[in-house]
Amino acid sequence: MKYLLVFFLAIPAIAQAYDAMDCVNDAVKVYPEFINGLVTKLCKNASNSEPAKCFRDISSVDKSITVGISVDVCSGTTNASKTIDCYGKAW
């Protein structure tokens, strides 16, 4: 029994990767009224928090941006600040 306990204590913690569900959770914190299809589009294939960050911050450039346009602009981004800067220059 002592050996078994030592074995489990010696296993290092496994880091969990950021995934689409993490993105969904982050996005819903910002906008709780999200429609499933839109939040799915925003977070599809997300491997980092950048789409959710972009969605959260894009209204700083355009106060009247709709949720749908925000999702279109931010989905798939790997760099929220560059995406928002580009949108701001085009807007």
PDB file of N, CA and C in Angstrom:
ATOM      1  N   MET A   1       0.816  -1.193   0.000  1.00  0.00           N
ATOM      2  CA  MET A   1       0.000   0.000   0.000  1.00  0.00           C
ATOM      3  C   MET A   1       0.867   1.268   0.000  1.00  0.00           C
ATOM      4  N   LYS A   2       1.967   1.246   0.727  1.00  0.00           N
ATOM      5  CA  LYS A   2       2.839   2.420   0.772  1.00  0.00           C
ATOM      6  C   LYS A   2       3.412   2.738  -0.605  1.00  0.00           C
ATOM      7  N   TYR A   3       3.746   1.728  -1.362  1.00  0.00           N
ATOM      8  CA  TYR A   3       4.326   1.941  -2.688  1.00  0.00           C
ATOM      9  C   TYR A   3       3.305   2.548  -3.648  1.00  0.00           C
ATOM     10  N   LEU A   4       2.092   2.115  -3.555  1.00  0.00           N
ATOM     11  CA  LEU A   4       1.034   2.627  -4.408  1.00  0.00           C
ATOM     12  C   LEU A   4       0.807   4.114  -4.140  1.00  0.00           C
ATOM     13  N   LEU A   5       0.768   4.504  -2.899  1.00  0.00           N
ATOM     14  CA  LEU A   5       0.577   5.900  -2.529  1.00  0.00           C
ATOM     15  C   LEU A   5       1.733   6.759  -3.030  1.00  0.00           C
ATOM     16  N   VAL A   6       2.940   6.300  -2.890  1.00  0.00           N
ATOM     17  CA  VAL A   6       4.113   7.024  -3.372  1.00  0.00           C
ATOM     18  C   VAL A   6       4.051   7.184  -4.884  1.00  0.00           C
ATOM     19  N   PHE A   7       3.605   6.172  -5.586  1.00  0.00           N
ATOM     20  CA  PHE A   7       3.496   6.233  -7.036  1.00  0.00           C
ATOM     21  C   PHE A   7       2.558   7.355  -7.466  1.00  0.00           C
ATOM     22  N   PHE A   8       1.396   7.462  -6.847  1.00  0.00           N
ATOM     23  CA  PHE A   8       0.438   8.488  -7.224  1.00  0.00           C
ATOM     24  C   PHE A   8       0.918   9.893  -6.855  1.00  0.00           C
ATOM     25  N   LEU A   9       1.633  10.019  -5.793  1.00  0.00           N
ATOM     26  CA  LEU A   9       2.154  11.326  -5.401  1.00  0.00           C
ATOM     27  C   LEU A   9       3.286  11.793  -6.303  1.00  0.00           C
ATOM     28  N   ALA A  10       3.955  10.861  -6.955  1.00  0.00           N
ATOM     29  CA  ALA A  10       5.086  11.204  -7.806  1.00  0.00           C
ATOM     30  C   ALA A  10       4.676  11.611  -9.221  1.00  0.00           C
ATOM     31  N   ILE A  11       3.419  11.385  -9.604  1.00  0.00           N
ATOM     32  CA  ILE A  11       2.959  11.740 -10.947  1.00  0.00           C
ATOM     33  C   ILE A  11       2.764  13.257 -11.018  1.00  0.00           C
ATOM     34  N   PRO A  12       3.413  13.913 -11.966  1.00  0.00           N
ATOM     35  CA  PRO A  12       3.240  15.369 -12.080  1.00  0.00           C
ATOM     36  C   PRO A  12       1.845  15.711 -12.605  1.00  0.00           C
ATOM     37  N   ALA A  13       1.386  16.882 -12.282  1.00  0.00           N
ATOM     38  CA  ALA A  13       0.084  17.339 -12.764  1.00  0.00           C
ATOM     39  C   ALA A  13       0.133  17.508 -14.286  1.00  0.00           C
ATOM     40  N   ILE A  14      -0.914  17.115 -14.938  1.00  0.00           N
ATOM     41  CA  ILE A  14      -0.999  17.222 -16.394  1.00  0.00           C
ATOM     42  C   ILE A  14      -1.675  18.547 -16.741  1.00  0.00           C
ATOM     43  N   ALA A  15      -1.010  19.352 -17.558  1.00  0.00           N
ATOM     44  CA  ALA A  15      -1.572  20.636 -17.979  1.00  0.00           C
ATOM     45  C   ALA A  15      -2.681  20.392 -18.991  1.00  0.00           C
ATOM     46  N   GLN A  16      -3.749  21.128 -18.844  1.00  0.00           N
ATOM     47  CA  GLN A  16      -4.872  20.997 -19.761  1.00  0.00           C
ATOM     48  C   GLN A  16      -4.777  22.084 -20.820  1.00  0.00           C
ATOM     49  N   ALA A  17      -4.953  21.707 -22.056  1.00  0.00           N
ATOM     50  CA  ALA A  17      -4.885  22.648 -23.167  1.00  0.00           C
ATOM     51  C   ALA A  17      -6.192  23.434 -23.270  1.00  0.00           C
ATOM     52  N   TYR A  18      -6.095  24.647 -23.761  1.00  0.00           N
ATOM     53  CA  TYR A  18      -7.269  25.477 -24.025  1.00  0.00           C
ATOM     54  C   TYR A  18      -7.972  24.895 -25.235  1.00  0.00           C
ATOM     55  N   ASP A  19      -9.294  24.758 -25.177  1.00  0.00           N
ATOM     56  CA  ASP A  19     -10.025  24.202 -26.312  1.00  0.00           C
ATOM     57  C   ASP A  19     -11.286  25.015 -26.575  1.00  0.00           C
ATOM     58  N   ALA A  20     -12.080  24.546 -27.519  1.00  0.00           N
ATOM     59  CA  ALA A  20     -13.283  25.272 -27.930  1.00  0.00           C
ATOM     60  C   ALA A  20     -14.256  25.488 -26.774  1.00  0.00           C
ATOM     61  N   MET A  21     -14.384  24.527 -25.873  1.00  0.00           N
ATOM     62  CA  MET A  21     -15.297  24.701 -24.740  1.00  0.00           C
ATOM     63  C   MET A  21     -14.803  25.803 -23.801  1.00  0.00           C
ATOM     64  N   ASP A  22     -13.508  25.944 -23.637  1.00  0.00           N
ATOM     65  CA  ASP A  22     -12.972  27.043 -22.837  1.00  0.00           C
ATOM     66  C   ASP A  22     -13.333  28.379 -23.494  1.00  0.00           C
ATOM     67  N   CYS A  23     -13.219  28.424 -24.804  1.00  0.00           N
ATOM     68  CA  CYS A  23     -13.577  29.631 -25.562  1.00  0.00           C
ATOM     69  C   CYS A  23     -15.054  29.967 -25.360  1.00  0.00           C
ATOM     70  N   VAL A  24     -15.911  28.950 -25.462  1.00  0.00           N
ATOM     71  CA  VAL A  24     -17.349  29.158 -25.264  1.00  0.00           C
ATOM     72  C   VAL A  24     -17.604  29.718 -23.866  1.00  0.00           C
ATOM     73  N   ASN A  25     -16.987  29.132 -22.860  1.00  0.00           N
ATOM     74  CA  ASN A  25     -17.174  29.608 -21.486  1.00  0.00           C
ATOM     75  C   ASN A  25     -16.710  31.049 -21.326  1.00  0.00           C
ATOM     76  N   ASP A  26     -15.579  31.407 -21.932  1.00  0.00           N
ATOM     77  CA  ASP A  26     -15.084  32.785 -21.855  1.00  0.00           C
ATOM     78  C   ASP A  26     -16.024  33.756 -22.569  1.00  0.00           C
ATOM     79  N   ALA A  27     -16.507  33.361 -23.732  1.00  0.00           N
ATOM     80  CA  ALA A  27     -17.388  34.230 -24.518  1.00  0.00           C
ATOM     81  C   ALA A  27     -18.728  34.445 -23.820  1.00  0.00           C
ATOM     82  N   VAL A  28     -19.260  33.409 -23.214  1.00  0.00           N
ATOM     83  CA  VAL A  28     -20.549  33.520 -22.529  1.00  0.00           C
ATOM     84  C   VAL A  28     -20.436  34.395 -21.278  1.00  0.00           C
ATOM     85  N   LYS A  29     -19.272  34.458 -20.677  1.00  0.00           N
ATOM     86  CA  LYS A  29     -19.069  35.370 -19.548  1.00  0.00           C
ATOM     87  C   LYS A  29     -19.212  36.825 -20.005  1.00  0.00           C
ATOM     88  N   VAL A  30     -18.766  37.104 -21.219  1.00  0.00           N
ATOM     89  CA  VAL A  30     -18.832  38.458 -21.768  1.00  0.00           C
ATOM     90  C   VAL A  30     -20.248  38.783 -22.237  1.00  0.00           C
ATOM     91  N   TYR A  31     -20.891  37.812 -22.875  1.00  0.00           N
ATOM     92  CA  TYR A  31     -22.220  38.031 -23.460  1.00  0.00           C
ATOM     93  C   TYR A  31     -23.098  36.810 -23.165  1.00  0.00           C
ATOM     94  N   PRO A  32     -23.775  36.799 -22.008  1.00  0.00           N
ATOM     95  CA  PRO A  32     -24.555  35.630 -21.584  1.00  0.00           C
ATOM     96  C   PRO A  32     -25.711  35.268 -22.515  1.00  0.00           C
ATOM     97  N   GLU A  33     -26.171  36.207 -23.335  1.00  0.00           N
ATOM     98  CA  GLU A  33     -27.310  35.945 -24.227  1.00  0.00           C
ATOM     99  C   GLU A  33     -26.903  35.299 -25.547  1.00  0.00           C
ATOM    100  N   PHE A  34     -25.676  34.815 -25.645  1.00  0.00           N
ATOM    101  CA  PHE A  34     -25.177  34.219 -26.888  1.00  0.00           C
ATOM    102  C   PHE A  34     -26.115  33.141 -27.408  1.00  0.00           C
ATOM    103  N   ILE A  35     -26.358  33.146 -28.697  1.00  0.00           N
ATOM    104  CA  ILE A  35     -27.109  32.087 -29.369  1.00  0.00           C
ATOM    105  C   ILE A  35     -26.112  30.977 -29.694  1.00  0.00           C
ATOM    106  N   ASN A  36     -26.529  29.730 -29.510  1.00  0.00           N
ATOM    107  CA  ASN A  36     -25.620  28.592 -29.699  1.00  0.00           C
ATOM    108  C   ASN A  36     -24.866  28.632 -31.018  1.00  0.00           C
ATOM    109  N   GLY A  37     -25.542  28.921 -32.118  1.00  0.00           N
ATOM    110  CA  GLY A  37     -24.884  28.921 -33.417  1.00  0.00           C
ATOM    111  C   GLY A  37     -23.775  29.952 -33.515  1.00  0.00           C
ATOM    112  N   LEU A  38     -23.993  31.126 -32.918  1.00  0.00           N
ATOM    113  CA  LEU A  38     -22.978  32.177 -32.993  1.00  0.00           C
ATOM    114  C   LEU A  38     -21.770  31.869 -32.124  1.00  0.00           C
ATOM    115  N   VAL A  39     -22.007  31.397 -30.916  1.00  0.00           N
ATOM    116  CA  VAL A  39     -20.868  31.094 -30.039  1.00  0.00           C
ATOM    117  C   VAL A  39     -20.090  29.905 -30.589  1.00  0.00           C
ATOM    118  N   THR A  40     -20.791  28.983 -31.234  1.00  0.00           N
ATOM    119  CA  THR A  40     -20.111  27.851 -31.875  1.00  0.00           C
ATOM    120  C   THR A  40     -19.241  28.341 -33.024  1.00  0.00           C
ATOM    121  N   LYS A  41     -19.771  29.272 -33.803  1.00  0.00           N
ATOM    122  CA  LYS A  41     -18.995  29.831 -34.917  1.00  0.00           C
ATOM    123  C   LYS A  41     -17.769  30.578 -34.409  1.00  0.00           C
ATOM    124  N   LEU A  42     -17.936  31.347 -33.336  1.00  0.00           N
ATOM    125  CA  LEU A  42     -16.816  32.097 -32.768  1.00  0.00           C
ATOM    126  C   LEU A  42     -15.706  31.169 -32.292  1.00  0.00           C
ATOM    127  N   CYS A  43     -16.090  30.085 -31.662  1.00  0.00           N
ATOM    128  CA  CYS A  43     -15.107  29.245 -30.963  1.00  0.00           C
ATOM    129  C   CYS A  43     -14.726  27.964 -31.702  1.00  0.00           C
ATOM    130  N   LYS A  44     -15.259  27.757 -32.878  1.00  0.00           N
ATOM    131  CA  LYS A  44     -14.938  26.549 -33.622  1.00  0.00           C
ATOM    132  C   LYS A  44     -13.427  26.457 -33.832  1.00  0.00           C
ATOM    133  N   ASN A  45     -12.856  25.343 -33.463  1.00  0.00           N
ATOM    134  CA  ASN A  45     -11.424  25.057 -33.614  1.00  0.00           C
ATOM    135  C   ASN A  45     -10.516  25.986 -32.797  1.00  0.00           C
ATOM    136  N   ALA A  46     -11.054  26.665 -31.797  1.00  0.00           N
ATOM    137  CA  ALA A  46     -10.216  27.557 -30.980  1.00  0.00           C
ATOM    138  C   ALA A  46      -9.207  26.739 -30.183  1.00  0.00           C
ATOM    139  N   SER A  47      -7.953  27.133 -30.271  1.00  0.00           N
ATOM    140  CA  SER A  47      -6.905  26.472 -29.488  1.00  0.00           C
ATOM    141  C   SER A  47      -6.286  27.439 -28.486  1.00  0.00           C
ATOM    142  N   ASN A  48      -6.809  28.672 -28.466  1.00  0.00           N
ATOM    143  CA  ASN A  48      -6.373  29.671 -27.496  1.00  0.00           C
ATOM    144  C   ASN A  48      -7.532  30.625 -27.229  1.00  0.00           C
ATOM    145  N   SER A  49      -7.321  31.571 -26.360  1.00  0.00           N
ATOM    146  CA  SER A  49      -8.406  32.469 -25.941  1.00  0.00           C
ATOM    147  C   SER A  49      -8.594  33.677 -26.849  1.00  0.00           C
ATOM    148  N   GLU A  50      -7.857  33.773 -27.920  1.00  0.00           N
ATOM    149  CA  GLU A  50      -7.887  34.972 -28.763  1.00  0.00           C
ATOM    150  C   GLU A  50      -9.262  35.289 -29.368  1.00  0.00           C
ATOM    151  N   PRO A  51     -10.028  34.311 -29.878  1.00  0.00           N
ATOM    152  CA  PRO A  51     -11.357  34.666 -30.380  1.00  0.00           C
ATOM    153  C   PRO A  51     -12.256  35.296 -29.306  1.00  0.00           C
ATOM    154  N   ALA A  52     -12.236  34.738 -28.101  1.00  0.00           N
ATOM    155  CA  ALA A  52     -13.044  35.292 -27.005  1.00  0.00           C
ATOM    156  C   ALA A  52     -12.543  36.678 -26.592  1.00  0.00           C
ATOM    157  N   LYS A  53     -11.230  36.870 -26.556  1.00  0.00           N
ATOM    158  CA  LYS A  53     -10.667  38.186 -26.231  1.00  0.00           C
ATOM    159  C   LYS A  53     -11.057  39.212 -27.287  1.00  0.00           C
ATOM    160  N   CYS A  54     -10.966  38.814 -28.541  1.00  0.00           N
ATOM    161  CA  CYS A  54     -11.345  39.700 -29.639  1.00  0.00           C
ATOM    162  C   CYS A  54     -12.811  40.101 -29.507  1.00  0.00           C
ATOM    163  N   PHE A  55     -13.676  39.110 -29.267  1.00  0.00           N
ATOM    164  CA  PHE A  55     -15.104  39.395 -29.109  1.00  0.00           C
ATOM    165  C   PHE A  55     -15.335  40.349 -27.939  1.00  0.00           C
ATOM    166  N   ARG A  56     -14.628  40.139 -26.860  1.00  0.00           N
ATOM    167  CA  ARG A  56     -14.775  40.978 -25.667  1.00  0.00           C
ATOM    168  C   ARG A  56     -14.358  42.423 -25.941  1.00  0.00           C
ATOM    169  N   ASP A  57     -13.283  42.616 -26.708  1.00  0.00           N
ATOM    170  CA  ASP A  57     -12.664  43.936 -26.835  1.00  0.00           C
ATOM    171  C   ASP A  57     -13.026  44.708 -28.098  1.00  0.00           C
ATOM    172  N   ILE A  58     -13.661  44.074 -29.067  1.00  0.00           N
ATOM    173  CA  ILE A  58     -13.873  44.754 -30.355  1.00  0.00           C
ATOM    174  C   ILE A  58     -14.813  45.952 -30.234  1.00  0.00           C
ATOM    175  N   SER A  59     -15.687  45.953 -29.255  1.00  0.00           N
ATOM    176  CA  SER A  59     -16.595  47.087 -29.101  1.00  0.00           C
ATOM    177  C   SER A  59     -15.867  48.362 -28.683  1.00  0.00           C
ATOM    178  N   SER A  60     -14.614  48.256 -28.280  1.00  0.00           N
ATOM    179  CA  SER A  60     -13.843  49.459 -27.959  1.00  0.00           C
ATOM    180  C   SER A  60     -13.531  50.258 -29.223  1.00  0.00           C
ATOM    181  N   VAL A  61     -13.571  49.589 -30.374  1.00  0.00           N
ATOM    182  CA  VAL A  61     -13.311  50.247 -31.657  1.00  0.00           C
ATOM    183  C   VAL A  61     -14.618  50.710 -32.297  1.00  0.00           C
ATOM    184  N   ASP A  62     -15.664  49.917 -32.160  1.00  0.00           N
ATOM    185  CA  ASP A  62     -16.955  50.195 -32.788  1.00  0.00           C
ATOM    186  C   ASP A  62     -18.052  49.923 -31.770  1.00  0.00           C
ATOM    187  N   LYS A  63     -18.561  50.969 -31.166  1.00  0.00           N
ATOM    188  CA  LYS A  63     -19.582  50.825 -30.112  1.00  0.00           C
ATOM    189  C   LYS A  63     -20.893  50.242 -30.637  1.00  0.00           C
ATOM    190  N   SER A  64     -21.149  50.356 -31.926  1.00  0.00           N
ATOM    191  CA  SER A  64     -22.423  49.888 -32.478  1.00  0.00           C
ATOM    192  C   SER A  64     -22.312  48.541 -33.200  1.00  0.00           C
ATOM    193  N   ILE A  65     -21.188  47.861 -33.074  1.00  0.00           N
ATOM    194  CA  ILE A  65     -21.005  46.585 -33.764  1.00  0.00           C
ATOM    195  C   ILE A  65     -21.999  45.560 -33.224  1.00  0.00           C
ATOM    196  N   THR A  66     -22.585  44.797 -34.124  1.00  0.00           N
ATOM    197  CA  THR A  66     -23.544  43.771 -33.709  1.00  0.00           C
ATOM    198  C   THR A  66     -22.807  42.510 -33.274  1.00  0.00           C
ATOM    199  N   VAL A  67     -23.502  41.653 -32.573  1.00  0.00           N
ATOM    200  CA  VAL A  67     -22.915  40.392 -32.127  1.00  0.00           C
ATOM    201  C   VAL A  67     -22.498  39.563 -33.339  1.00  0.00           C
ATOM    202  N   GLY A  68     -23.341  39.504 -34.349  1.00  0.00           N
ATOM    203  CA  GLY A  68     -23.029  38.711 -35.540  1.00  0.00           C
ATOM    204  C   GLY A  68     -21.775  39.181 -36.261  1.00  0.00           C
ATOM    205  N   ILE A  69     -21.635  40.491 -36.418  1.00  0.00           N
ATOM    206  CA  ILE A  69     -20.438  41.031 -37.070  1.00  0.00           C
ATOM    207  C   ILE A  69     -19.214  40.782 -36.194  1.00  0.00           C
ATOM    208  N   SER A  70     -19.352  40.938 -34.889  1.00  0.00           N
ATOM    209  CA  SER A  70     -18.241  40.656 -33.974  1.00  0.00           C
ATOM    210  C   SER A  70     -17.764  39.220 -34.124  1.00  0.00           C
ATOM    211  N   VAL A  71     -18.709  38.308 -34.221  1.00  0.00           N
ATOM    212  CA  VAL A  71     -18.365  36.891 -34.396  1.00  0.00           C
ATOM    213  C   VAL A  71     -17.663  36.684 -35.730  1.00  0.00           C
ATOM    214  N   ASP A  72     -18.201  37.292 -36.799  1.00  0.00           N
ATOM    215  CA  ASP A  72     -17.567  37.151 -38.122  1.00  0.00           C
ATOM    216  C   ASP A  72     -16.132  37.673 -38.107  1.00  0.00           C
ATOM    217  N   VAL A  73     -15.904  38.795 -37.458  1.00  0.00           N
ATOM    218  CA  VAL A  73     -14.568  39.390 -37.423  1.00  0.00           C
ATOM    219  C   VAL A  73     -13.619  38.559 -36.555  1.00  0.00           C
ATOM    220  N   CYS A  74     -14.096  38.071 -35.436  1.00  0.00           N
ATOM    221  CA  CYS A  74     -13.215  37.465 -34.434  1.00  0.00           C
ATOM    222  C   CYS A  74     -13.038  35.957 -34.552  1.00  0.00           C
ATOM    223  N   SER A  75     -13.940  35.270 -35.213  1.00  0.00           N
ATOM    224  CA  SER A  75     -13.815  33.810 -35.271  1.00  0.00           C
ATOM    225  C   SER A  75     -12.546  33.421 -36.023  1.00  0.00           C
ATOM    226  N   GLY A  76     -11.822  32.506 -35.455  1.00  0.00           N
ATOM    227  CA  GLY A  76     -10.603  32.009 -36.079  1.00  0.00           C
ATOM    228  C   GLY A  76      -9.362  32.841 -35.832  1.00  0.00           C
ATOM    229  N   THR A  77      -9.502  33.972 -35.158  1.00  0.00           N
ATOM    230  CA  THR A  77      -8.312  34.801 -34.946  1.00  0.00           C
ATOM    231  C   THR A  77      -7.320  34.118 -34.008  1.00  0.00           C
ATOM    232  N   THR A  78      -6.055  34.359 -34.266  1.00  0.00           N
ATOM    233  CA  THR A  78      -5.001  33.873 -33.377  1.00  0.00           C
ATOM    234  C   THR A  78      -4.316  35.030 -32.660  1.00  0.00           C
ATOM    235  N   ASN A  79      -4.757  36.263 -32.977  1.00  0.00           N
ATOM    236  CA  ASN A  79      -4.196  37.449 -32.335  1.00  0.00           C
ATOM    237  C   ASN A  79      -5.294  38.511 -32.256  1.00  0.00           C
ATOM    238  N   ALA A  80      -5.922  38.611 -31.094  1.00  0.00           N
ATOM    239  CA  ALA A  80      -7.058  39.513 -30.920  1.00  0.00           C
ATOM    240  C   ALA A  80      -6.694  40.962 -31.201  1.00  0.00           C
ATOM    241  N   SER A  81      -5.570  41.427 -30.688  1.00  0.00           N
ATOM    242  CA  SER A  81      -5.228  42.844 -30.854  1.00  0.00           C
ATOM    243  C   SER A  81      -4.975  43.203 -32.316  1.00  0.00           C
ATOM    244  N   LYS A  82      -4.326  42.337 -33.065  1.00  0.00           N
ATOM    245  CA  LYS A  82      -4.099  42.616 -34.486  1.00  0.00           C
ATOM    246  C   LYS A  82      -5.413  42.600 -35.268  1.00  0.00           C
ATOM    247  N   THR A  83      -6.303  41.690 -34.932  1.00  0.00           N
ATOM    248  CA  THR A  83      -7.594  41.617 -35.601  1.00  0.00           C
ATOM    249  C   THR A  83      -8.399  42.879 -35.327  1.00  0.00           C
ATOM    250  N   ILE A  84      -8.407  43.325 -34.079  1.00  0.00           N
ATOM    251  CA  ILE A  84      -9.145  44.542 -33.714  1.00  0.00           C
ATOM    252  C   ILE A  84      -8.520  45.760 -34.367  1.00  0.00           C
ATOM    253  N   ASP A  85      -7.199  45.837 -34.407  1.00  0.00           N
ATOM    254  CA  ASP A  85      -6.520  46.949 -35.076  1.00  0.00           C
ATOM    255  C   ASP A  85      -6.897  46.994 -36.566  1.00  0.00           C
ATOM    256  N   CYS A  86      -6.891  45.865 -37.214  1.00  0.00           N
ATOM    257  CA  CYS A  86      -7.240  45.790 -38.634  1.00  0.00           C
ATOM    258  C   CYS A  86      -8.680  46.231 -38.851  1.00  0.00           C
ATOM    259  N   TYR A  87      -9.588  45.740 -38.008  1.00  0.00           N
ATOM    260  CA  TYR A  87     -10.995  46.149 -38.111  1.00  0.00           C
ATOM    261  C   TYR A  87     -11.131  47.653 -37.914  1.00  0.00           C
ATOM    262  N   GLY A  88     -10.403  48.182 -36.938  1.00  0.00           N
ATOM    263  CA  GLY A  88     -10.474  49.620 -36.672  1.00  0.00           C
ATOM    264  C   GLY A  88      -9.998  50.457 -37.846  1.00  0.00           C
ATOM    265  N   LYS A  89      -8.971  49.992 -38.536  1.00  0.00           N
ATOM    266  CA  LYS A  89      -8.484  50.724 -39.707  1.00  0.00           C
ATOM    267  C   LYS A  89      -9.477  50.646 -40.856  1.00  0.00           C
ATOM    268  N   ALA A  90     -10.147  49.524 -41.002  1.00  0.00           N
ATOM    269  CA  ALA A  90     -11.123  49.362 -42.079  1.00  0.00           C
ATOM    270  C   ALA A  90     -12.432  50.065 -41.777  1.00  0.00           C
ATOM    271  N   TRP A  91     -12.760  50.193 -40.502  1.00  0.00           N
ATOM    272  CA  TRP A  91     -14.014  50.790 -40.095  1.00  0.00           C
ATOM    273  C   TRP A  91     -13.904  52.271 -40.195  1.00  0.00           C
TER     274      TRP A  91
END
